Amino acid sequence: MGRAKLMESFNQAVEYIQDGATLIVGGFGLCGIPEYLIQALREKGTKDLTIVSNNCGVDDWGLGLLLANKQIKKMISSYVGENKIFAEQYLSGELEVELVPQGTLAERIRAGGAGIPGFYTATGVGTPIAEGKEHKEFNGRTYILEEGIVGDFALIKAWKADQKGNLVYCKTARNFNPVAAMAGKVTIAEVEEVDDNLNPDYIHTPGVYVQRLLQGAAYSKRIERLTVNSH
């Protein structure tokens, strides 16, 4: 589809996501997560999913909802420390986990979206991350080959969009969403506002990357771990 389609139903937006699909999901912690799309996917019950995301939410929110419902077969992520269900399923052998350094994960997703099949990085050399991967030396330094990631679908969250699917993110919620939007064969974006008068100079993700568009409301915007000054 050349133009984004503004849809009315989140359930309709995820209806083509089938068992065994690979999903790239935007967000960092609970910031900038496509919460309504995740809830719709939970209601649909799609299973055996491979999820590529920085983390897996918390036990009762975000991707943690899919984990608790046993819909995720494999996680490719860089941080998993806030989710007890994640730990339980991994230790029991129910969940396959591929841990990737955070910068490498971002670049693997970006590379996939840019049509780059692989790249070399020094991150992880000499650690278990490098086991089984091609090593190559450049200018006297050793690097390992990492592969780009492409998803069957990408689920992302933005602040504003126009009906052509051009997206603007709000502050920190920009995080993994722009690269995730590039790397999905079908990208589904949920947004807080639809505004057909967006300034072209402030577009973060061009609409060419977005196939389905939905507007949500009353976002909870939960904080993963609240830390305040005691003074």
Protein backbone atom coordinates (compact mmCIF):
# COMPACT_ATOMS: atom_id res chain seq x y z
CA MET A 1 0.00 0.00 0.00
CA GLY A 2 1.42 3.36 -1.00
CA ARG A 3 -0.73 5.38 1.38
CA ALA A 4 -1.39 4.79 5.01
CA LYS A 5 -4.95 3.75 5.76
CA LEU A 6 -6.63 5.44 8.70
CA MET A 7 -8.51 2.61 10.37
CA GLU A 8 -11.19 2.77 13.03
CA SER A 9 -10.59 -0.53 14.84
CA PHE A 10 -7.43 -1.75 16.55
CA ASN A 11 -8.78 -5.29 16.25
CA GLN A 12 -9.11 -4.82 12.50
CA ALA A 13 -5.55 -3.50 12.31
CA VAL A 14 -4.05 -6.70 13.76
CA GLU A 15 -6.37 -9.22 12.13
CA TYR A 16 -3.75 -10.28 9.55
CA ILE A 17 -1.06 -11.00 12.16
CA GLN A 18 -0.94 -14.78 12.19
CA ASP A 19 0.65 -17.37 14.47
CA GLY A 20 4.44 -17.53 14.12
CA ALA A 21 4.85 -13.95 12.88
CA THR A 22 7.89 -11.81 13.68
CA LEU A 23 6.96 -8.41 15.15
CA ILE A 24 9.21 -5.42 15.71
CA VAL A 25 7.70 -3.34 18.50
CA GLY A 26 8.66 0.23 19.36
CA GLY A 27 9.14 1.67 22.83
CA PHE A 28 11.68 1.80 25.61
CA GLY A 29 10.50 0.53 28.97
CA LEU A 30 6.88 1.69 28.92
CA CYS A 31 7.67 4.91 27.05
CA GLY A 32 6.34 5.10 23.50
CA ILE A 33 4.79 1.63 23.42
CA PRO A 34 1.85 0.85 21.10
CA GLU A 35 -0.36 -0.09 24.02
CA TYR A 36 -3.68 -0.42 22.20
CA LEU A 37 -2.19 -2.53 19.42
CA ILE A 38 -0.65 -4.82 22.05
CA GLN A 39 -4.01 -5.15 23.80
CA ALA A 40 -5.74 -5.92 20.49
CA LEU A 41 -3.16 -8.61 19.74
CA ARG A 42 -3.74 -10.08 23.19
CA GLU A 43 -7.48 -10.25 22.50
CA LYS A 44 -6.83 -11.91 19.13
CA GLY A 45 -4.73 -14.57 20.85
CA THR A 46 -2.09 -14.87 18.12
CA LYS A 47 0.65 -17.19 19.40
CA ASP A 48 4.19 -18.45 18.74
CA LEU A 49 5.29 -14.87 18.09
CA THR A 50 8.87 -13.71 17.76
CA ILE A 51 9.07 -10.23 19.27
CA VAL A 52 11.94 -7.84 18.55
CA SER A 53 11.87 -5.03 21.09
CA ASN A 54 14.21 -3.30 23.51
CA ASN A 55 12.44 -4.98 26.44
CA CYS A 56 9.28 -6.94 27.26
CA GLY A 57 7.30 -4.44 29.31
CA VAL A 58 6.31 -5.32 32.86
CA ASP A 59 4.21 -8.17 34.24
CA ASP A 60 0.87 -6.42 33.76
CA TRP A 61 1.47 -3.93 30.95
CA GLY A 62 2.94 -3.56 27.51
CA LEU A 63 4.43 -6.68 25.94
CA GLY A 64 4.19 -8.30 29.37
CA LEU A 65 0.49 -8.84 28.56
CA LEU A 66 1.39 -11.07 25.62
CA LEU A 67 4.00 -12.87 27.69
CA ALA A 68 1.53 -13.57 30.50
CA ASN A 69 -0.91 -14.90 27.90
CA LYS A 70 1.83 -17.20 26.56
CA GLN A 71 1.71 -15.75 23.05
CA ILE A 72 5.45 -15.12 22.70
CA LYS A 73 7.78 -17.93 21.60
CA LYS A 74 10.99 -15.89 21.29
CA MET A 75 12.23 -12.49 22.45
CA ILE A 76 15.06 -10.62 20.75
CA SER A 77 15.83 -7.77 23.13
CA SER A 78 18.48 -5.93 25.09
CA TYR A 79 16.93 -5.60 28.57
CA VAL A 80 14.57 -7.88 30.46
CA GLY A 81 15.05 -6.96 34.10
CA GLU A 82 11.59 -5.64 35.02
CA ASN A 83 9.52 -8.71 34.18
CA LYS A 84 9.23 -11.66 36.58
CA ILE A 85 7.08 -13.66 34.17
CA PHE A 86 9.84 -13.29 31.58
CA ALA A 87 12.37 -14.80 33.98
CA GLU A 88 10.04 -17.65 34.92
CA GLN A 89 9.27 -18.61 31.32
CA TYR A 90 12.93 -18.39 30.29
CA LEU A 91 14.13 -20.54 33.18
CA SER A 92 11.39 -23.12 32.53
CA GLY A 93 12.34 -23.35 28.85
CA GLU A 94 9.01 -21.95 27.61
CA LEU A 95 10.60 -18.80 26.19
CA GLU A 96 13.57 -18.56 23.84
CA VAL A 97 15.68 -15.44 24.41
CA GLU A 98 18.29 -13.74 22.23
CA LEU A 99 19.97 -10.94 24.16
CA VAL A 100 21.49 -8.22 21.99
CA PRO A 101 23.52 -5.17 23.13
CA GLN A 102 21.22 -2.16 22.96
CA GLY A 103 23.13 -0.20 20.32
CA THR A 104 23.56 -3.32 18.23
CA LEU A 105 19.83 -4.05 18.45
CA ALA A 106 18.97 -0.54 17.27
CA GLU A 107 21.39 -0.83 14.37
CA ARG A 108 20.20 -4.32 13.41
CA ILE A 109 16.66 -2.96 13.13
CA ARG A 110 17.79 0.18 11.28
CA ALA A 111 19.91 -1.90 8.90
CA GLY A 112 17.00 -4.21 8.16
CA GLY A 113 14.81 -1.23 7.35
CA ALA A 114 17.50 0.24 5.09
CA GLY A 115 17.94 -2.99 3.15
CA ILE A 116 21.37 -3.73 4.65
CA PRO A 117 21.71 -7.48 5.35
CA GLY A 118 24.59 -7.20 7.84
CA PHE A 119 27.27 -5.00 9.38
CA TYR A 120 30.40 -5.32 11.49
CA THR A 121 30.65 -4.03 15.05
CA ALA A 122 33.25 -4.27 17.80
CA THR A 123 30.55 -4.54 20.46
CA GLY A 124 30.48 -8.02 21.96
CA VAL A 125 33.89 -9.19 20.72
CA GLY A 126 35.39 -11.57 23.26
CA THR A 127 32.02 -12.24 24.96
CA PRO A 128 29.36 -14.95 24.52
CA ILE A 129 27.58 -12.51 22.15
CA ALA A 130 30.31 -13.20 19.58
CA GLU A 131 30.10 -17.00 19.68
CA GLY A 132 29.35 -18.53 16.29
CA LYS A 133 29.57 -15.20 14.45
CA GLU A 134 31.98 -14.24 11.71
CA HIS A 135 34.99 -12.24 12.95
CA LYS A 136 36.91 -9.82 10.76
CA GLU A 137 39.75 -7.40 11.37
CA PHE A 138 39.68 -3.78 10.23
CA ASN A 139 42.67 -1.51 10.87
CA GLY A 140 44.00 -3.82 13.54
CA ARG A 141 40.73 -4.17 15.46
CA THR A 142 38.44 -7.21 15.54
CA TYR A 143 34.77 -6.91 14.66
CA ILE A 144 31.85 -9.35 14.50
CA LEU A 145 29.18 -9.64 11.84
CA GLU A 146 25.63 -8.85 12.94
CA GLU A 147 22.59 -9.37 10.71
CA GLY A 148 19.89 -6.82 9.97
CA ILE A 149 16.39 -7.57 11.24
CA VAL A 150 13.19 -7.35 9.21
CA GLY A 151 9.79 -8.06 10.75
CA ASP A 152 6.60 -9.34 9.18
CA PHE A 153 4.95 -6.46 11.03
CA ALA A 154 6.08 -3.44 13.03
CA LEU A 155 3.88 -2.02 15.79
CA ILE A 156 4.76 1.55 16.72
CA LYS A 157 3.45 4.54 18.66
CA ALA A 158 3.69 8.19 17.59
CA TRP A 159 2.36 11.49 18.86
CA LYS A 160 0.93 12.95 15.66
CA ALA A 161 0.26 11.77 12.12
CA ASP A 162 -1.43 13.02 9.00
CA GLN A 163 -3.64 10.73 6.95
CA LYS A 164 -0.74 9.88 4.65
CA GLY A 165 1.04 8.28 7.60
CA ASN A 166 3.76 10.88 8.18
CA LEU A 167 4.67 10.65 11.86
CA VAL A 168 5.96 12.91 14.62
CA TYR A 169 7.12 11.47 17.95
CA CYS A 170 7.09 13.25 21.29
CA LYS A 171 10.43 13.62 23.07
CA THR A 172 11.75 10.36 24.58
CA ALA A 173 8.94 8.34 22.98
CA ARG A 174 10.95 8.67 19.77
CA ASN A 175 13.37 5.95 21.04
CA PHE A 176 13.07 2.73 18.97
CA ASN A 177 9.93 3.74 17.07
CA PRO A 178 11.54 5.36 13.98
CA VAL A 179 13.82 2.40 13.22
CA ALA A 180 11.04 -0.09 13.99
CA ALA A 181 8.77 1.71 11.52
CA MET A 182 11.38 1.22 8.78
CA ALA A 183 11.88 -2.48 9.39
CA GLY A 184 8.37 -3.90 9.21
CA LYS A 185 7.05 -5.33 5.95
CA VAL A 186 3.74 -3.95 7.20
CA THR A 187 3.97 -1.11 9.72
CA ILE A 188 0.99 -0.32 11.94
CA ALA A 189 1.15 2.99 13.77
CA GLU A 190 -1.09 4.16 16.58
CA VAL A 191 -1.09 7.88 17.29
CA GLU A 192 -2.58 10.33 19.74
CA GLU A 193 -3.53 13.01 17.20
CA VAL A 194 -4.27 13.16 13.48
CA ASP A 195 -3.34 16.50 11.97
CA ASP A 196 -3.19 17.07 8.22
CA ASN A 197 -1.24 20.30 8.69
CA LEU A 198 2.02 18.83 9.93
CA ASN A 199 5.12 20.89 9.18
CA PRO A 200 7.19 18.84 6.66
CA ASP A 201 10.40 19.99 8.40
CA TYR A 202 9.38 18.21 11.61
CA ILE A 203 8.43 14.80 10.22
CA HIS A 204 10.37 12.00 11.92
CA THR A 205 9.01 9.03 9.93
CA PRO A 206 7.86 9.54 6.31
CA GLY A 207 4.48 8.03 5.48
CA VAL A 208 6.02 5.70 2.88
CA TYR A 209 6.98 3.42 5.79
CA VAL A 210 3.48 3.26 7.30
CA GLN A 211 0.68 1.08 5.94
CA ARG A 212 -1.96 1.20 8.68
CA LEU A 213 -2.80 4.09 10.98
CA LEU A 214 -5.03 4.33 14.03
CA GLN A 215 -5.86 7.04 16.52
CA GLY A 216 -6.09 6.16 20.19
CA ALA A 217 -7.22 8.16 23.19
CA ALA A 218 -6.81 8.34 26.97
CA TYR A 219 -3.29 6.91 27.00
CA SER A 220 -2.14 5.90 30.48
CA LYS A 221 1.57 6.62 29.89
CA ARG A 222 2.66 4.57 32.85
CA ILE A 223 6.15 4.85 34.36
CA GLU A 224 8.12 1.61 34.50
CA ARG A 225 9.93 2.45 37.72
CA LEU A 226 9.14 5.69 39.52
CA THR A 227 12.13 7.29 41.22
CA VAL A 228 11.72 10.55 43.15
CA ASN A 229 13.96 12.74 45.25
CA SER A 230 13.31 12.20 48.95
CA HIS A 231 14.14 15.83 49.82
